[in-house]
């Protein structure tokens, strides 16, 4: 999938080329609260597994979860922790192994669809 989201200080940014009108969905996502300050989406770039789960979590209203995570690479304080916990708890996602989620790995089409 070719979108990327990254957390940094500042405001929401949406990069696009002159040939691409993808800035419109990025602005709409920011207005809807799906993107928070400092996140950047860019057409033609890959979205990470952690960023994708976080976007889905926000679209779902950022629900709380008390699910225990088996993943050693997602910890409290990580930007995607609450989202991964929610998604794992409802069976929406699994890891790349029994103990790894790989939040910084690029998301494949197959992973997004399943």
Protein backbone atom coordinates (compact mmCIF):
# COMPACT_ATOMS: atom_id res chain seq x y z
CA UNK A 1 0.00 0.00 0.00
CA UNK A 2 1.37 3.36 -0.89
CA UNK A 3 0.72 5.78 1.94
CA UNK A 4 2.94 6.59 4.86
CA UNK A 5 2.20 8.04 8.24
CA UNK A 6 4.87 9.13 10.64
CA UNK A 7 4.62 10.85 13.98
CA UNK A 8 6.64 14.00 14.59
CA UNK A 9 6.08 17.32 16.33
CA UNK A 10 4.07 19.91 14.43
CA UNK A 11 0.94 19.87 12.34
CA UNK A 12 -0.54 17.44 9.86
CA UNK A 13 1.15 17.52 6.48
CA UNK A 14 0.08 15.93 3.23
CA UNK A 15 2.64 15.80 0.45
CA UNK A 16 1.61 15.35 -3.13
CA UNK A 17 2.95 16.07 -6.57
CA UNK A 18 1.35 18.52 -8.99
CA UNK A 19 0.05 15.54 -10.98
CA UNK A 20 -1.66 14.10 -7.92
CA UNK A 21 -4.75 15.49 -6.22
CA UNK A 22 -4.32 13.21 -3.20
CA UNK A 23 -3.94 16.21 -0.87
CA UNK A 24 -7.75 16.36 -0.64
CA UNK A 25 -8.19 13.03 1.22
CA UNK A 26 -5.30 13.94 3.52
CA UNK A 27 -6.96 17.19 4.55
CA UNK A 28 -10.27 15.39 5.07
CA UNK A 29 -8.55 12.78 7.25
CA UNK A 30 -6.98 15.53 9.35
CA UNK A 31 -10.33 17.29 9.80
CA UNK A 32 -11.96 14.00 10.81
CA UNK A 33 -9.30 13.38 13.47
CA UNK A 34 -7.91 10.30 11.75
CA UNK A 35 -4.55 12.05 11.43
CA UNK A 36 -3.13 13.89 14.42
CA UNK A 37 -0.62 16.69 14.58
CA UNK A 38 2.74 15.86 13.08
CA UNK A 39 1.62 12.90 10.98
CA UNK A 40 2.42 12.88 7.31
CA UNK A 41 0.82 10.89 4.55
CA UNK A 42 2.48 10.81 1.17
CA UNK A 43 1.12 9.36 -2.03
CA UNK A 44 3.43 6.73 -3.46
CA UNK A 45 5.03 5.81 -0.12
CA UNK A 46 4.41 2.73 1.99
CA UNK A 47 2.42 2.79 5.21
CA UNK A 48 3.76 0.81 8.14
CA UNK A 49 1.86 -1.93 9.93
CA UNK A 50 1.67 0.21 13.07
CA UNK A 51 0.44 3.30 11.23
CA UNK A 52 -2.23 1.33 9.36
CA UNK A 53 -3.59 -0.26 12.54
CA UNK A 54 -3.57 3.16 14.21
CA UNK A 55 -5.62 4.66 11.37
CA UNK A 56 -8.15 1.81 11.61
CA UNK A 57 -8.30 2.24 15.38
CA UNK A 58 -9.02 5.95 15.03
CA UNK A 59 -11.68 5.26 12.39
CA UNK A 60 -13.31 2.97 14.96
CA UNK A 61 -13.38 5.73 17.57
CA UNK A 62 -10.13 4.82 19.38
CA UNK A 63 -11.76 2.24 21.67
CA UNK A 64 -10.08 1.08 24.87
CA UNK A 65 -8.83 -2.49 25.19
CA UNK A 66 -7.37 -4.54 27.99
CA UNK A 67 -6.11 -7.31 25.73
CA UNK A 68 -2.72 -8.75 26.63
CA UNK A 69 -0.20 -8.52 23.81
CA UNK A 70 2.25 -11.33 23.06
CA UNK A 71 4.43 -8.96 20.99
CA UNK A 72 7.79 -7.94 22.41
CA UNK A 73 8.23 -5.13 19.85
CA UNK A 74 5.14 -3.11 20.89
CA UNK A 75 5.30 -1.56 24.36
CA UNK A 76 3.27 0.91 26.42
CA UNK A 77 4.29 4.36 25.30
CA UNK A 78 4.67 3.36 21.65
CA UNK A 79 2.48 5.41 19.33
CA UNK A 80 0.61 2.35 18.07
CA UNK A 81 0.37 0.46 21.37
CA UNK A 82 -3.32 1.15 22.12
CA UNK A 83 -4.27 0.48 18.50
CA UNK A 84 -2.38 -2.81 18.28
CA UNK A 85 -3.83 -3.88 21.61
CA UNK A 86 -7.36 -3.14 20.37
CA UNK A 87 -6.85 -4.80 16.97
CA UNK A 88 -5.26 -7.90 18.49
CA UNK A 89 -7.96 -8.11 21.15
CA UNK A 90 -10.81 -8.19 18.63
CA UNK A 91 -8.96 -10.55 16.28
CA UNK A 92 -8.37 -7.94 13.58
CA UNK A 93 -4.62 -8.47 13.45
CA UNK A 94 -1.91 -10.88 14.38
CA UNK A 95 1.82 -10.63 14.34
CA UNK A 96 4.46 -11.56 11.84
CA UNK A 97 5.38 -14.25 14.36
CA UNK A 98 4.03 -15.35 17.74
CA UNK A 99 6.03 -12.66 19.54
CA UNK A 100 6.58 -9.92 16.92
CA UNK A 101 4.14 -7.44 15.40
CA UNK A 102 6.73 -5.48 13.34
CA UNK A 103 5.07 -2.07 13.69
CA UNK A 104 7.68 -0.32 11.54
CA UNK A 105 7.56 -2.83 8.68
CA UNK A 106 5.81 -1.80 5.46
CA UNK A 107 2.26 -3.11 5.20
CA UNK A 108 1.62 -5.45 2.26
CA UNK A 109 -1.66 -5.59 0.35
CA UNK A 110 -2.20 -9.11 1.66
CA UNK A 111 -1.78 -7.96 5.26
CA UNK A 112 -4.22 -5.09 4.75
CA UNK A 113 -6.82 -7.40 3.26
CA UNK A 114 -6.64 -10.11 5.90
